[in-house]
Amino acid sequence: MSSARLPWFRLLLIGLAGGVLSGMFGVGGGVVMVPLLINFAGVDERRASATSLAAIVPTAVVGCIAYAVNGRVDILAALVVAAGGVVGTWLGARLLRTIPLGVLRWTFVTVLVIVAIRMVLVQPEAGQAAAASGPLSIAGLVVLGLVIGVASGLLGIGGGILMVPAFVVLFGMGDLVAKGTSLAAMIPTSIVGTATNLRGGLVDWRAGIIVGIAATGASVGGAAIAFLLPPALSAILFAALLLFTAIQLAVRALRMRRRASAA
C-alpha cells in the first residue's frame, strides 16, 4: 500500500510504539518501527528502514534532552562512540559486498541471546555512574562505535540495542546513564544516515513526518517510565527486546537462505 493511501492513525500508532521504546530503553525505536512499517503499513523494507531512521533523528534528540536535564548523559562517551559509529557505518557499507551475511547474522543472533541472558542474571544499577575517561576506556569506546556502525551498515541493527548493554556491562555505566548516552550517540549517526537516504530518494516524507512527530512526543513519556522502573524490571524488559531483535535477525537469515536455495 502506498503511504499516501495509508490511514494516518496506523502511522501514528507505529510512531507511538517506537517512541515509547526509544525513551524507555535508549534505543532508536527502529527495531519495532521497521517491521511495523513493513507488515502493518505495507512499506517495502529499504524505504521502511530509511523512513524509520529519519523519524529517529528528532526522537533521539528529545529523548536525550529528557535524560540530560536529569544528569543522565555521558557527553564524552557519546561523542567518542558516535565518531566510531560514523566510520563503522562506512566500513559496513563497504564490507557488505564481501562478507557472507548469513554467518554474520547468526553470529549477532548468538551475541544478542547471550547478552540478554547476562542482563537478566546480572542486573545493572540505576545510579549516575559514567564511563571512565582514561586512554583504555576511550579506545574501548571507539572500538564499540566501530562495531555498532559496522553492524548497522551490514545488518540494519539499531545502535542502542548494542550500545546500552555494552555501556552497562563493559564500561560500568548506570542503567539510566547508559540509555541517555545511547540516545545522544545516535543523533549524529542517524543524521548522517538520513542525509544519505534523502539523496537516494528512499525516505517516505508523509510517513516519516507522521511517525516522527508521534515518536518524538512518545519518547518523553518513555523516558519518564524509565526513571520509574526498578533496575531489575528494566533489565528484564530490555532482555526481552534483545530476544525480539535476535528473532528478527534469525527470520531474515532463514528468508535469505530460502531465496538463495530457490535461485
Protein backbone atom coordinates (compact mmCIF):
# COMPACT_ATOMS: atom_id res chain seq x y z
CA MET A 1 0.00 0.00 0.00
CA SER A 2 1.25 3.49 -0.85
CA SER A 3 1.78 5.69 2.20
CA ALA A 4 -0.43 8.32 0.55
CA ARG A 5 -3.34 5.86 0.83
CA LEU A 6 -2.36 4.61 4.28
CA PRO A 7 -4.61 5.73 7.18
CA TRP A 8 -2.69 8.26 9.24
CA PHE A 9 -3.64 6.58 12.52
CA ARG A 10 -1.63 3.48 11.57
CA LEU A 11 1.48 5.61 11.14
CA LEU A 12 0.63 7.39 14.39
CA LEU A 13 0.46 4.08 16.28
CA ILE A 14 3.76 2.95 14.76
CA GLY A 15 5.41 6.18 15.88
CA LEU A 16 3.97 5.93 19.38
CA ALA A 17 5.28 2.37 19.78
CA GLY A 18 8.76 3.30 18.55
CA GLY A 19 8.91 6.48 20.64
CA VAL A 20 7.98 4.77 23.90
CA LEU A 21 10.63 2.11 23.34
CA SER A 22 13.19 4.75 22.41
CA GLY A 23 12.64 6.72 25.60
CA MET A 24 12.38 3.68 27.85
CA PHE A 25 15.44 1.81 26.64
CA GLY A 26 17.68 4.34 24.91
CA VAL A 27 17.26 2.69 21.52
CA GLY A 28 16.25 4.23 18.22
CA GLY A 29 12.88 2.51 18.07
CA GLY A 30 13.58 1.18 14.58
CA VAL A 31 13.59 -2.38 15.92
CA VAL A 32 9.81 -2.02 16.22
CA MET A 33 9.04 0.69 13.67
CA VAL A 34 10.69 -1.05 10.71
CA PRO A 35 8.75 -4.35 10.98
CA LEU A 36 5.54 -2.44 11.69
CA LEU A 37 6.04 -0.22 8.64
CA ILE A 38 6.62 -3.35 6.54
CA ASN A 39 3.86 -5.58 7.92
CA PHE A 40 1.31 -3.05 9.19
CA ALA A 41 1.82 -0.27 6.66
CA GLY A 42 2.90 -2.20 3.57
CA VAL A 43 6.12 -0.21 3.06
CA ASP A 44 8.99 -2.03 1.33
CA GLU A 45 11.99 -2.94 3.51
CA ARG A 46 14.50 -0.38 2.21
CA ARG A 47 12.04 2.52 2.39
CA ALA A 48 10.83 1.37 5.83
CA SER A 49 14.40 1.40 7.19
CA ALA A 50 15.13 4.84 5.68
CA THR A 51 11.84 6.33 6.91
CA SER A 52 12.34 4.89 10.39
CA LEU A 53 15.87 6.32 10.56
CA ALA A 54 14.56 9.78 9.60
CA ALA A 55 11.95 9.57 12.38
CA ILE A 56 14.65 8.58 14.86
CA VAL A 57 16.52 11.90 14.47
CA PRO A 58 14.02 14.12 16.38
CA THR A 59 13.07 11.22 18.64
CA ALA A 60 16.66 10.72 19.80
CA VAL A 61 17.15 14.46 20.30
CA VAL A 62 14.09 14.88 22.51
CA GLY A 63 14.72 11.65 24.41
CA CYS A 64 18.35 12.66 25.00
CA ILE A 65 17.23 16.04 26.38
CA ALA A 66 14.87 14.28 28.79
CA TYR A 67 17.81 12.27 30.18
CA ALA A 68 20.28 15.19 30.05
CA VAL A 69 18.17 17.52 32.21
CA ASN A 70 18.33 14.82 34.89
CA GLY A 71 22.12 14.48 34.54
CA ARG A 72 21.99 11.05 32.88
CA VAL A 73 24.10 11.60 29.74
CA ASP A 74 27.86 11.00 29.43
CA ILE A 75 28.66 13.52 26.68
CA LEU A 76 32.29 12.42 26.17
CA ALA A 77 31.35 8.76 25.76
CA ALA A 78 28.54 9.69 23.36
CA LEU A 79 30.84 11.77 21.16
CA VAL A 80 33.56 9.09 21.03
CA VAL A 81 31.12 6.29 20.20
CA ALA A 82 29.36 8.45 17.60
CA ALA A 83 32.68 9.19 15.86
CA GLY A 84 33.49 5.49 15.73
CA GLY A 85 29.94 4.73 14.59
CA VAL A 86 30.13 7.05 11.58
CA VAL A 87 33.36 5.36 10.43
CA GLY A 88 31.92 1.92 11.19
CA THR A 89 28.81 2.58 9.13
CA TRP A 90 31.00 3.45 6.15
CA LEU A 91 33.05 0.27 6.71
CA GLY A 92 29.86 -1.79 6.97
CA ALA A 93 28.63 -0.47 3.64
CA ARG A 94 31.97 -1.42 2.05
CA LEU A 95 32.09 -4.86 3.69
CA LEU A 96 28.53 -5.56 2.54
CA ARG A 97 29.97 -6.64 -0.81
CA THR A 98 32.45 -9.17 0.60
CA ILE A 99 31.26 -10.65 3.92
CA PRO A 100 28.75 -13.55 3.89
CA LEU A 101 25.77 -12.04 5.67
CA GLY A 102 24.32 -15.38 6.72
CA VAL A 103 27.24 -16.17 9.03
CA LEU A 104 27.26 -12.62 10.36
CA ARG A 105 23.55 -12.64 11.13
CA TRP A 106 23.75 -15.89 13.12
CA THR A 107 26.79 -14.57 14.99
CA PHE A 108 24.86 -11.49 16.08
CA VAL A 109 21.83 -13.61 16.98
CA THR A 110 24.05 -15.62 19.32
CA VAL A 111 25.60 -12.48 20.82
CA LEU A 112 22.20 -10.88 21.45
CA VAL A 113 20.88 -14.01 23.19
CA ILE A 114 23.98 -14.22 25.41
CA VAL A 115 23.73 -10.53 26.33
CA ALA A 116 20.01 -10.90 27.10
CA ILE A 117 20.74 -13.79 29.47
CA ARG A 118 23.58 -11.84 31.08
CA MET A 119 21.37 -8.78 31.69
CA VAL A 120 18.77 -10.90 33.46
CA LEU A 121 21.33 -12.70 35.64
CA VAL A 122 23.46 -9.64 36.46
CA GLN A 123 21.17 -6.66 36.74
CA PRO A 124 22.56 -3.11 36.42
CA GLU A 125 22.35 -0.30 38.93
CA ALA A 126 20.24 2.79 38.32
CA GLY A 127 22.99 5.14 39.51
CA GLN A 128 24.69 8.02 37.73
CA ALA A 129 28.00 6.27 37.03
CA ALA A 130 29.64 7.40 33.80
CA ALA A 131 32.31 5.65 31.76
CA ALA A 132 35.93 6.14 32.81
CA SER A 133 37.81 8.74 30.75
CA GLY A 134 41.24 7.08 30.63
CA PRO A 135 43.02 6.14 27.38
CA LEU A 136 41.93 2.50 27.55
CA SER A 137 38.29 3.45 28.06
CA ILE A 138 38.41 5.95 25.20
CA ALA A 139 39.95 3.32 22.93
CA GLY A 140 37.27 0.84 24.00
CA LEU A 141 34.51 3.34 23.22
CA VAL A 142 35.98 3.95 19.75
CA VAL A 143 36.00 0.19 19.10
CA LEU A 144 32.42 -0.06 20.37
CA GLY A 145 31.40 2.70 17.95
CA LEU A 146 33.10 0.91 15.06
CA VAL A 147 31.38 -2.39 15.90
CA ILE A 148 27.98 -0.69 16.19
CA GLY A 149 28.50 1.19 12.93
CA VAL A 150 29.53 -1.95 11.05
CA ALA A 151 26.55 -3.89 12.46
CA SER A 152 24.23 -1.07 11.46
CA GLY A 153 25.68 -0.85 7.96
CA LEU A 154 25.60 -4.60 7.39
CA LEU A 155 22.52 -5.77 9.25
CA GLY A 156 20.40 -2.69 9.91
CA ILE A 157 20.69 -3.20 13.68
CA GLY A 158 19.99 -0.02 15.66
CA GLY A 159 22.93 1.19 17.74
CA GLY A 160 21.06 1.31 21.03
CA ILE A 161 20.43 -2.44 21.02
CA LEU A 162 24.19 -2.95 21.31
CA MET A 163 25.20 0.31 22.98
CA VAL A 164 23.11 0.14 26.14
CA PRO A 165 24.19 -3.35 27.30
CA ALA A 166 27.81 -2.61 26.26
CA PHE A 167 27.82 0.61 28.30
CA VAL A 168 26.47 -1.26 31.33
CA VAL A 169 28.47 -4.50 31.06
CA LEU A 170 31.80 -3.29 29.65
CA PHE A 171 32.05 0.30 30.89
CA GLY A 172 30.22 0.16 34.21
CA MET A 173 27.64 2.83 33.42
CA GLY A 174 24.47 3.14 35.44
CA ASP A 175 21.29 1.93 33.81
CA LEU A 176 19.84 5.39 33.11
CA VAL A 177 23.15 6.95 32.06
CA ALA A 178 23.64 4.14 29.52
CA LYS A 179 20.23 4.88 27.98
CA GLY A 180 20.71 8.64 27.85
CA THR A 181 24.21 8.32 26.41
CA SER A 182 22.99 5.86 23.80
CA LEU A 183 20.38 8.34 22.58
CA ALA A 184 22.99 11.12 22.43
CA ALA A 185 25.38 8.95 20.40
CA MET A 186 22.60 8.07 17.96
CA ILE A 187 21.91 11.68 16.96
CA PRO A 188 24.91 12.31 14.64
CA THR A 189 24.88 8.81 13.15
CA SER A 190 21.16 8.95 12.37
CA ILE A 191 21.58 12.40 10.81
CA VAL A 192 24.38 11.12 8.55
CA GLY A 193 22.35 8.05 7.59
CA THR A 194 19.22 10.09 6.90
CA ALA A 195 21.15 12.56 4.72
CA THR A 196 22.42 9.64 2.66
CA ASN A 197 18.93 8.18 2.33
CA LEU A 198 17.48 11.55 1.32
CA ARG A 199 19.97 11.80 -1.52
CA GLY A 200 18.92 8.32 -2.59
CA GLY A 201 15.22 9.24 -2.51
CA LEU A 202 14.41 6.46 -0.02
CA VAL A 203 12.61 8.48 2.67
CA ASP A 204 8.82 8.49 2.54
CA TRP A 205 8.13 12.07 3.65
CA ARG A 206 4.48 11.67 4.66
CA ALA A 207 5.11 8.53 6.69
CA GLY A 208 8.33 9.94 8.16
CA ILE A 209 6.67 13.16 9.38
CA ILE A 210 3.71 11.40 11.00
CA VAL A 211 5.81 8.65 12.56
CA GLY A 212 8.47 11.13 13.63
CA ILE A 213 6.05 13.51 15.37
CA ALA A 214 4.35 10.66 17.22
CA ALA A 215 7.64 9.03 18.19
CA THR A 216 9.16 12.31 19.37
CA GLY A 217 6.25 13.02 21.69
CA ALA A 218 6.12 9.46 22.98
CA SER A 219 9.86 9.39 23.72
CA VAL A 220 9.35 11.83 26.61
CA GLY A 221 6.79 9.50 28.15
CA GLY A 222 9.10 6.56 27.58
CA ALA A 223 11.94 8.35 29.37
CA ALA A 224 9.62 9.13 32.29
CA ILE A 225 8.73 5.44 32.52
CA ALA A 226 12.45 4.55 32.51
CA PHE A 227 13.03 6.71 35.59
CA LEU A 228 10.17 4.98 37.40
CA LEU A 229 11.13 1.39 36.54
CA PRO A 230 13.22 -0.58 39.06
CA PRO A 231 16.59 -1.60 37.52
CA ALA A 232 15.72 -5.31 37.79
CA LEU A 233 12.47 -4.93 35.83
CA SER A 234 14.14 -2.62 33.30
CA ALA A 235 16.86 -5.23 32.69
CA ILE A 236 14.29 -7.97 32.13
CA LEU A 237 12.31 -5.84 29.68
CA PHE A 238 15.46 -4.87 27.79
CA ALA A 239 16.47 -8.53 27.62
CA ALA A 240 13.08 -9.25 26.05
CA LEU A 241 13.77 -6.52 23.47
CA LEU A 242 17.14 -8.11 22.70
CA LEU A 243 15.49 -11.50 22.17
CA PHE A 244 12.90 -9.87 19.89
CA THR A 245 15.73 -8.39 17.83
CA ALA A 246 17.52 -11.74 17.71
CA ILE A 247 14.33 -13.40 16.42
CA GLN A 248 14.03 -10.75 13.69
CA LEU A 249 17.61 -11.40 12.57
CA ALA A 250 17.05 -15.15 12.61
CA VAL A 251 13.90 -14.79 10.46
CA ARG A 252 15.82 -12.62 7.96
CA ALA A 253 18.63 -15.18 7.81
CA LEU A 254 16.17 -18.01 7.11
CA ARG A 255 14.44 -15.97 4.40
CA MET A 256 17.77 -15.23 2.74
CA ARG A 257 18.64 -18.93 2.79
CA ARG A 258 15.29 -19.83 1.19
CA ARG A 259 15.77 -17.21 -1.53
CA ALA A 260 19.27 -18.45 -2.22
CA SER A 261 18.03 -22.02 -2.47
CA ALA A 262 15.19 -21.02 -4.77
CA ALA A 263 17.60 -19.10 -7.02
